[in-house]
Amino acid sequence: LVLVVSTHIIGKQWYQRRVRVSAANPKKQMAEAYVQKHRIPELFENMTAALIHTQPENAKKFMIKYLETLKQFRDEKGDYPSMFTDANITAVFGMLDVTNKGFISMEQYRSALKTLGVKKYNTRPDGCEKDQITLSTFLTEAKQGLSAASANFVKLS
């Protein structure tokens, strides 16, 4: 038995998260499906990364604020919490475009997004045909990927 636990879009591509449920231990499998559906591992991974990056005096207050910010986004469509600003993403691009050509290769694009923690990204961004990804495209794709990576909850009905 396979359950589709979530469907989401990154860039122009749709992704589905599927979980296989076995008859051998259905309670365990249903618990795992629940954890995956609600993206609990990603929530803790992102919150831990934010804690390490920020290193607040009061970690518990920070985590409460982090969760409140996620809830606010869900309710008001604000910005997901992200450790990376446009300036940070631009700096990453600049480190890869050492000759200031104004573009990076697809391999650099893939590697940089993975380094930023983006696991799912547009594999055919603008400029991929010429192997020339511009800063504008990289910034857009990185922000979309980081936003999707930070989206740790499913909309409650």
N, C-alpha and C. Protein backbone atom coordinates (compact mmCIF):
# COMPACT_ATOMS: atom_id res chain seq x y z
N LEU A 1 0.86 -1.18 0.00
CA LEU A 1 0.00 0.00 0.00
C LEU A 1 0.89 1.23 0.00
N VAL A 2 0.60 2.20 -0.87
CA VAL A 2 1.37 3.44 -0.95
C VAL A 2 0.43 4.60 -0.68
N LEU A 3 0.83 5.48 0.24
CA LEU A 3 0.05 6.67 0.54
C LEU A 3 0.76 7.89 -0.02
N VAL A 4 0.02 8.80 -0.66
CA VAL A 4 0.58 10.10 -1.05
C VAL A 4 0.31 11.01 0.14
N VAL A 5 1.39 11.46 0.79
CA VAL A 5 1.21 12.24 2.02
C VAL A 5 1.32 13.73 1.80
N SER A 6 1.89 14.17 0.68
CA SER A 6 1.90 15.60 0.39
C SER A 6 2.23 15.82 -1.07
N THR A 7 1.75 16.91 -1.60
CA THR A 7 2.05 17.33 -2.96
C THR A 7 2.41 18.81 -2.89
N HIS A 8 3.51 19.20 -3.54
CA HIS A 8 3.91 20.60 -3.52
C HIS A 8 4.64 20.93 -4.82
N ILE A 9 4.78 22.23 -5.07
CA ILE A 9 5.44 22.69 -6.29
C ILE A 9 6.69 23.47 -5.92
N ILE A 10 7.76 23.24 -6.66
CA ILE A 10 8.99 24.01 -6.51
C ILE A 10 9.31 24.51 -7.91
N GLY A 11 9.35 25.82 -8.04
CA GLY A 11 9.57 26.38 -9.38
C GLY A 11 8.40 26.01 -10.26
N LYS A 12 8.66 25.27 -11.32
CA LYS A 12 7.61 24.86 -12.24
C LYS A 12 7.37 23.36 -12.17
N GLN A 13 7.94 22.68 -11.15
CA GLN A 13 7.84 21.23 -11.07
C GLN A 13 7.02 20.81 -9.86
N TRP A 14 6.17 19.78 -10.05
CA TRP A 14 5.36 19.22 -8.97
C TRP A 14 6.07 18.03 -8.37
N TYR A 15 5.98 17.90 -7.06
CA TYR A 15 6.57 16.78 -6.35
C TYR A 15 5.51 16.16 -5.45
N GLN A 16 5.55 14.85 -5.33
CA GLN A 16 4.69 14.15 -4.39
C GLN A 16 5.56 13.36 -3.44
N ARG A 17 5.20 13.38 -2.18
CA ARG A 17 5.89 12.57 -1.19
C ARG A 17 5.04 11.34 -0.96
N ARG A 18 5.61 10.18 -1.23
CA ARG A 18 4.89 8.92 -1.08
C ARG A 18 5.53 8.11 0.04
N VAL A 19 4.69 7.43 0.80
CA VAL A 19 5.15 6.58 1.88
C VAL A 19 4.55 5.20 1.69
N ARG A 20 5.39 4.18 1.72
CA ARG A 20 4.92 2.80 1.59
C ARG A 20 4.54 2.29 2.98
N VAL A 21 3.34 1.74 3.10
CA VAL A 21 2.85 1.20 4.36
C VAL A 21 2.79 -0.32 4.21
N SER A 22 3.47 -1.03 5.13
CA SER A 22 3.47 -2.49 5.05
C SER A 22 2.43 -3.06 6.01
N ALA A 23 1.97 -4.24 5.68
CA ALA A 23 1.00 -4.91 6.53
C ALA A 23 1.66 -5.49 7.77
N ALA A 24 3.00 -5.64 7.76
CA ALA A 24 3.72 -6.24 8.87
C ALA A 24 3.58 -5.44 10.16
N ASN A 25 3.70 -4.14 10.09
CA ASN A 25 3.60 -3.31 11.28
C ASN A 25 2.85 -2.02 10.91
N PRO A 26 1.54 -2.11 10.73
CA PRO A 26 0.79 -0.95 10.24
C PRO A 26 0.82 0.25 11.18
N LYS A 27 0.87 0.04 12.51
CA LYS A 27 0.91 1.18 13.44
C LYS A 27 2.19 1.97 13.25
N LYS A 28 3.32 1.27 13.15
CA LYS A 28 4.60 1.93 12.95
C LYS A 28 4.60 2.65 11.61
N GLN A 29 4.10 2.00 10.60
CA GLN A 29 4.08 2.60 9.27
C GLN A 29 3.16 3.82 9.22
N MET A 30 2.04 3.75 9.89
CA MET A 30 1.12 4.90 9.91
C MET A 30 1.76 6.07 10.68
N ALA A 31 2.50 5.76 11.75
CA ALA A 31 3.20 6.80 12.50
C ALA A 31 4.26 7.45 11.61
N GLU A 32 5.01 6.62 10.88
CA GLU A 32 6.02 7.16 9.97
C GLU A 32 5.37 8.01 8.87
N ALA A 33 4.23 7.56 8.36
CA ALA A 33 3.52 8.33 7.34
C ALA A 33 3.08 9.68 7.89
N TYR A 34 2.62 9.68 9.14
CA TYR A 34 2.20 10.93 9.79
C TYR A 34 3.38 11.90 9.92
N VAL A 35 4.52 11.37 10.39
CA VAL A 35 5.71 12.20 10.56
C VAL A 35 6.15 12.78 9.21
N GLN A 36 6.12 11.96 8.16
CA GLN A 36 6.51 12.44 6.83
C GLN A 36 5.49 13.44 6.28
N LYS A 37 4.22 13.16 6.45
CA LYS A 37 3.18 14.05 5.94
C LYS A 37 3.32 15.45 6.53
N HIS A 38 3.62 15.51 7.80
CA HIS A 38 3.72 16.80 8.48
C HIS A 38 5.14 17.36 8.50
N ARG A 39 6.03 16.67 7.80
CA ARG A 39 7.41 17.13 7.60
C ARG A 39 8.13 17.45 8.92
N ILE A 40 7.93 16.59 9.89
CA ILE A 40 8.53 16.78 11.21
C ILE A 40 10.06 16.76 11.14
N PRO A 41 10.69 15.81 10.42
CA PRO A 41 12.16 15.83 10.37
C PRO A 41 12.70 17.14 9.79
N GLU A 42 12.08 17.65 8.73
CA GLU A 42 12.53 18.90 8.13
C GLU A 42 12.36 20.07 9.09
N LEU A 43 11.26 20.06 9.84
CA LEU A 43 11.02 21.11 10.81
C LEU A 43 12.16 21.18 11.81
N PHE A 44 12.51 20.04 12.39
CA PHE A 44 13.58 20.03 13.39
C PHE A 44 14.94 20.30 12.77
N GLU A 45 15.16 19.82 11.56
CA GLU A 45 16.43 20.10 10.87
C GLU A 45 16.60 21.60 10.64
N ASN A 46 15.56 22.25 10.14
CA ASN A 46 15.63 23.69 9.88
C ASN A 46 15.72 24.50 11.17
N MET A 47 14.95 24.09 12.18
CA MET A 47 14.97 24.82 13.43
C MET A 47 16.34 24.67 14.11
N THR A 48 16.92 23.49 14.03
CA THR A 48 18.25 23.27 14.60
C THR A 48 19.29 24.10 13.87
N ALA A 49 19.22 24.14 12.55
CA ALA A 49 20.15 24.96 11.78
C ALA A 49 20.02 26.43 12.16
N ALA A 50 18.78 26.90 12.32
CA ALA A 50 18.56 28.29 12.71
C ALA A 50 19.11 28.56 14.12
N LEU A 51 18.94 27.60 15.02
CA LEU A 51 19.50 27.73 16.37
C LEU A 51 21.02 27.84 16.33
N ILE A 52 21.66 26.98 15.58
CA ILE A 52 23.11 26.98 15.50
C ILE A 52 23.61 28.27 14.86
N HIS A 53 22.92 28.70 13.81
CA HIS A 53 23.31 29.94 13.12
C HIS A 53 23.16 31.15 14.03
N THR A 54 22.04 31.23 14.74
CA THR A 54 21.72 32.39 15.56
C THR A 54 22.36 32.33 16.95
N GLN A 55 22.41 31.15 17.53
CA GLN A 55 22.91 30.91 18.88
C GLN A 55 22.32 31.89 19.90
N PRO A 56 21.00 31.88 20.05
CA PRO A 56 20.37 32.80 21.01
C PRO A 56 20.65 32.39 22.45
N GLU A 57 20.56 33.36 23.34
CA GLU A 57 20.74 33.10 24.77
C GLU A 57 19.69 32.11 25.27
N ASN A 58 18.45 32.32 24.85
CA ASN A 58 17.35 31.47 25.32
C ASN A 58 16.84 30.64 24.14
N ALA A 59 17.32 29.43 24.05
CA ALA A 59 16.97 28.55 22.92
C ALA A 59 15.48 28.23 22.89
N LYS A 60 14.86 28.04 24.05
CA LYS A 60 13.44 27.70 24.09
C LYS A 60 12.59 28.85 23.55
N LYS A 61 12.90 30.07 23.96
CA LYS A 61 12.16 31.24 23.44
C LYS A 61 12.36 31.37 21.93
N PHE A 62 13.57 31.11 21.47
CA PHE A 62 13.87 31.18 20.05
C PHE A 62 13.00 30.17 19.27
N MET A 63 12.93 28.93 19.79
CA MET A 63 12.14 27.90 19.10
C MET A 63 10.66 28.25 19.09
N ILE A 64 10.17 28.82 20.19
CA ILE A 64 8.77 29.25 20.22
C ILE A 64 8.53 30.32 19.16
N LYS A 65 9.43 31.30 19.08
CA LYS A 65 9.32 32.38 18.09
C LYS A 65 9.40 31.80 16.68
N TYR A 66 10.28 30.85 16.48
CA TYR A 66 10.43 30.21 15.16
C TYR A 66 9.11 29.56 14.74
N LEU A 67 8.51 28.80 15.65
CA LEU A 67 7.23 28.14 15.35
C LEU A 67 6.11 29.16 15.14
N GLU A 68 6.12 30.23 15.92
CA GLU A 68 5.12 31.28 15.73
C GLU A 68 5.26 31.94 14.36
N THR A 69 6.51 32.11 13.91
CA THR A 69 6.76 32.70 12.60
C THR A 69 6.23 31.78 11.50
N LEU A 70 6.44 30.48 11.64
CA LEU A 70 5.89 29.53 10.67
C LEU A 70 4.36 29.60 10.64
N LYS A 71 3.77 29.67 11.82
CA LYS A 71 2.31 29.77 11.90
C LYS A 71 1.82 31.06 11.26
N GLN A 72 2.53 32.16 11.51
CA GLN A 72 2.16 33.44 10.92
C GLN A 72 2.21 33.35 9.40
N PHE A 73 3.25 32.71 8.87
CA PHE A 73 3.32 32.56 7.42
C PHE A 73 2.12 31.79 6.91
N ARG A 74 1.82 30.69 7.57
CA ARG A 74 0.69 29.86 7.14
C ARG A 74 -0.60 30.68 7.14
N ASP A 75 -0.77 31.50 8.17
CA ASP A 75 -2.00 32.28 8.30
C ASP A 75 -2.04 33.50 7.40
N GLU A 76 -0.89 34.14 7.17
CA GLU A 76 -0.88 35.43 6.46
C GLU A 76 -0.06 35.44 5.18
N LYS A 77 0.57 34.33 4.84
CA LYS A 77 1.42 34.24 3.65
C LYS A 77 2.58 35.22 3.70
N GLY A 78 3.24 35.30 4.85
CA GLY A 78 4.43 36.14 4.98
C GLY A 78 5.66 35.38 4.52
N ASP A 79 6.83 35.82 4.95
CA ASP A 79 8.07 35.18 4.56
C ASP A 79 8.41 34.04 5.52
N TYR A 80 8.81 32.90 4.95
CA TYR A 80 9.31 31.80 5.76
C TYR A 80 10.61 32.25 6.42
N PRO A 81 10.89 31.76 7.61
CA PRO A 81 12.17 32.09 8.21
C PRO A 81 13.29 31.44 7.39
N SER A 82 14.31 32.20 7.09
CA SER A 82 15.45 31.69 6.33
C SER A 82 16.72 32.30 6.87
N MET A 83 17.77 31.49 6.91
CA MET A 83 19.05 32.00 7.39
C MET A 83 19.75 32.81 6.31
N PHE A 84 19.31 32.69 5.06
CA PHE A 84 20.01 33.31 3.94
C PHE A 84 19.25 34.51 3.39
N THR A 85 19.92 35.63 3.34
CA THR A 85 19.35 36.84 2.75
C THR A 85 19.73 36.88 1.27
N ASP A 86 19.15 37.82 0.53
CA ASP A 86 19.53 38.00 -0.87
C ASP A 86 21.03 38.27 -0.97
N ALA A 87 21.56 39.02 -0.03
CA ALA A 87 22.99 39.34 -0.04
C ALA A 87 23.83 38.07 0.14
N ASN A 88 23.39 37.16 1.02
CA ASN A 88 24.12 35.90 1.21
C ASN A 88 24.11 35.06 -0.07
N ILE A 89 22.94 34.98 -0.70
CA ILE A 89 22.81 34.18 -1.92
C ILE A 89 23.63 34.80 -3.05
N THR A 90 23.61 36.13 -3.13
CA THR A 90 24.41 36.83 -4.14
C THR A 90 25.89 36.60 -3.90
N ALA A 91 26.31 36.57 -2.64
CA ALA A 91 27.72 36.31 -2.32
C ALA A 91 28.13 34.90 -2.75
N VAL A 92 27.25 33.93 -2.57
CA VAL A 92 27.54 32.56 -3.02
C VAL A 92 27.74 32.56 -4.54
N PHE A 93 26.83 33.24 -5.25
CA PHE A 93 26.96 33.34 -6.71
C PHE A 93 28.29 33.99 -7.08
N GLY A 94 28.65 35.06 -6.39
CA GLY A 94 29.90 35.77 -6.67
C GLY A 94 31.14 34.92 -6.45
N MET A 95 31.08 34.04 -5.46
CA MET A 95 32.21 33.14 -5.22
C MET A 95 32.39 32.15 -6.36
N LEU A 96 31.28 31.82 -7.02
CA LEU A 96 31.34 30.86 -8.13
C LEU A 96 31.68 31.55 -9.45
N ASP A 97 31.27 32.80 -9.58
CA ASP A 97 31.53 33.56 -10.81
C ASP A 97 32.79 34.42 -10.59
N VAL A 98 33.92 33.75 -10.42
CA VAL A 98 35.16 34.45 -10.05
C VAL A 98 35.68 35.37 -11.15
N THR A 99 35.32 35.10 -12.41
CA THR A 99 35.78 35.95 -13.52
C THR A 99 34.76 37.02 -13.89
N ASN A 100 33.71 37.13 -13.11
CA ASN A 100 32.65 38.14 -13.33
C ASN A 100 32.06 38.08 -14.73
N LYS A 101 31.79 36.88 -15.22
CA LYS A 101 31.15 36.71 -16.53
C LYS A 101 29.65 37.01 -16.46
N GLY A 102 29.09 36.94 -15.26
CA GLY A 102 27.66 37.21 -15.10
C GLY A 102 26.83 35.94 -15.11
N PHE A 103 27.48 34.78 -15.13
CA PHE A 103 26.75 33.52 -15.09
C PHE A 103 27.63 32.43 -14.49
N ILE A 104 26.95 31.36 -14.06
CA ILE A 104 27.64 30.17 -13.56
C ILE A 104 27.14 28.97 -14.36
N SER A 105 27.84 27.85 -14.25
CA SER A 105 27.45 26.64 -14.97
C SER A 105 26.32 25.91 -14.24
N MET A 106 25.70 24.97 -14.93
CA MET A 106 24.66 24.15 -14.30
C MET A 106 25.24 23.34 -13.14
N GLU A 107 26.44 22.84 -13.31
CA GLU A 107 27.07 22.06 -12.24
C GLU A 107 27.29 22.94 -11.01
N GLN A 108 27.74 24.17 -11.21
CA GLN A 108 27.91 25.10 -10.09
C GLN A 108 26.56 25.42 -9.45
N TYR A 109 25.55 25.61 -10.28
CA TYR A 109 24.18 25.87 -9.82
C TYR A 109 23.70 24.75 -8.91
N ARG A 110 23.82 23.50 -9.37
CA ARG A 110 23.38 22.34 -8.58
C ARG A 110 24.16 22.24 -7.28
N SER A 111 25.46 22.38 -7.37
CA SER A 111 26.31 22.26 -6.19
C SER A 111 26.01 23.36 -5.17
N ALA A 112 25.83 24.58 -5.64
CA ALA A 112 25.55 25.70 -4.74
C ALA A 112 24.21 25.52 -4.03
N LEU A 113 23.19 25.09 -4.76
CA LEU A 113 21.88 24.89 -4.13
C LEU A 113 21.96 23.79 -3.08
N LYS A 114 22.66 22.72 -3.37
CA LYS A 114 22.81 21.65 -2.38
C LYS A 114 23.57 22.16 -1.16
N THR A 115 24.58 22.98 -1.37
CA THR A 115 25.35 23.56 -0.27
C THR A 115 24.46 24.45 0.61
N LEU A 116 23.53 25.17 -0.02
CA LEU A 116 22.61 26.02 0.73
C LEU A 116 21.55 25.22 1.47
N GLY A 117 21.47 23.92 1.19
CA GLY A 117 20.48 23.07 1.86
C GLY A 117 19.22 22.86 1.06
N VAL A 118 19.24 23.25 -0.21
CA VAL A 118 18.08 23.06 -1.08
C VAL A 118 18.18 21.66 -1.66
N LYS A 119 17.22 20.82 -1.29
CA LYS A 119 17.24 19.43 -1.75
C LYS A 119 16.45 19.24 -3.05
N LYS A 120 15.38 19.98 -3.20
CA LYS A 120 14.56 19.90 -4.41
C LYS A 120 14.59 21.25 -5.08
N TYR A 121 14.95 21.27 -6.34
CA TYR A 121 15.09 22.53 -7.05
C TYR A 121 14.76 22.32 -8.52
N ASN A 122 14.60 23.42 -9.21
CA ASN A 122 14.29 23.39 -10.64
C ASN A 122 15.52 22.87 -11.38
N THR A 123 15.38 21.72 -12.02
CA THR A 123 16.51 21.12 -12.74
C THR A 123 16.68 21.68 -14.15
N ARG A 124 15.74 22.50 -14.57
CA ARG A 124 15.80 23.12 -15.91
C ARG A 124 15.55 24.63 -15.80
N PRO A 125 16.39 25.36 -15.04
CA PRO A 125 16.16 26.80 -14.89
C PRO A 125 16.48 27.55 -16.18
N ASP A 126 16.05 28.80 -16.25
CA ASP A 126 16.41 29.64 -17.39
C ASP A 126 17.92 29.65 -17.54
N GLY A 127 18.39 29.47 -18.76
CA GLY A 127 19.82 29.49 -19.04
C GLY A 127 20.48 28.13 -19.04
N CYS A 128 19.73 27.09 -18.65
CA CYS A 128 20.35 25.76 -18.56
C CYS A 128 20.75 25.23 -19.94
N GLU A 129 20.02 25.63 -20.99
CA GLU A 129 20.34 25.14 -22.34
C GLU A 129 21.73 25.59 -22.78
N LYS A 130 22.12 26.78 -22.35
CA LYS A 130 23.43 27.33 -22.71
C LYS A 130 24.48 27.10 -21.62
N ASP A 131 24.05 26.43 -20.52
CA ASP A 131 24.94 26.20 -19.37
C ASP A 131 25.41 27.53 -18.78
N GLN A 132 24.46 28.50 -18.75
CA GLN A 132 24.76 29.83 -18.23
C GLN A 132 23.61 30.30 -17.34
N ILE A 133 23.77 30.12 -16.06
CA ILE A 133 22.76 30.52 -15.08
C ILE A 133 23.13 31.90 -14.54
N THR A 134 22.26 32.87 -14.77
CA THR A 134 22.54 34.24 -14.34
C THR A 134 22.25 34.41 -12.84
N LEU A 135 22.74 35.51 -12.29
CA LEU A 135 22.48 35.82 -10.88
C LEU A 135 20.99 35.91 -10.62
N SER A 136 20.26 36.57 -11.51
CA SER A 136 18.81 36.72 -11.34
C SER A 136 18.13 35.35 -11.23
N THR A 137 18.48 34.45 -12.13
CA THR A 137 17.89 33.10 -12.11
C THR A 137 18.31 32.36 -10.85
N PHE A 138 19.59 32.44 -10.51
CA PHE A 138 20.09 31.75 -9.32
C PHE A 138 19.40 32.26 -8.07
N LEU A 139 19.26 33.57 -7.96
CA LEU A 139 18.61 34.17 -6.80
C LEU A 139 17.16 33.70 -6.69
N THR A 140 16.44 33.73 -7.80
CA THR A 140 15.04 33.29 -7.81
C THR A 140 14.92 31.82 -7.41
N GLU A 141 15.71 30.98 -8.03
CA GLU A 141 15.64 29.54 -7.77
C GLU A 141 16.08 29.21 -6.34
N ALA A 142 17.13 29.86 -5.87
CA ALA A 142 17.60 29.62 -4.50
C ALA A 142 16.53 30.03 -3.49
N LYS A 143 15.92 31.19 -3.69
CA LYS A 143 14.89 31.65 -2.76
C LYS A 143 13.68 30.72 -2.76
N GLN A 144 13.28 30.25 -3.95
CA GLN A 144 12.15 29.31 -4.02
C GLN A 144 12.50 28.01 -3.33
N GLY A 145 13.71 27.51 -3.57
CA GLY A 145 14.14 26.27 -2.94
C GLY A 145 14.27 26.39 -1.43
N LEU A 146 14.81 27.51 -0.97
CA LEU A 146 14.95 27.73 0.47
C LEU A 146 13.58 27.90 1.12
N SER A 147 12.68 28.57 0.42
CA SER A 147 11.33 28.74 0.94
C SER A 147 10.63 27.39 1.06
N ALA A 148 10.77 26.57 0.03
CA ALA A 148 10.16 25.22 0.08
C ALA A 148 10.79 24.38 1.18
N ALA A 149 12.10 24.50 1.35
CA ALA A 149 12.79 23.75 2.39
C ALA A 149 12.38 24.20 3.78
N SER A 150 12.00 25.46 3.90
CA SER A 150 11.58 26.01 5.20
C SER A 150 10.10 25.81 5.47
N ALA A 151 9.35 25.40 4.48
CA ALA A 151 7.90 25.21 4.64
C ALA A 151 7.65 23.89 5.35
N ASN A 152 7.69 23.92 6.66
CA ASN A 152 7.70 22.69 7.46
C ASN A 152 6.35 22.22 7.93
N PHE A 153 5.30 22.71 7.36
CA PHE A 153 4.00 22.30 7.88
C PHE A 153 3.03 22.15 6.73
N VAL A 154 1.98 21.42 7.01
CA VAL A 154 0.90 21.24 6.05
C VAL A 154 -0.24 22.12 6.49
N LYS A 155 -0.87 22.79 5.56
CA LYS A 155 -2.01 23.66 5.87
C LYS A 155 -3.08 22.86 6.59
N LEU A 156 -3.52 23.34 7.72
CA LEU A 156 -4.57 22.67 8.47
C LEU A 156 -5.91 22.98 7.86
N SER A 157 -6.75 21.98 7.75
CA SER A 157 -8.08 22.17 7.15
C SER A 157 -9.03 22.81 8.13
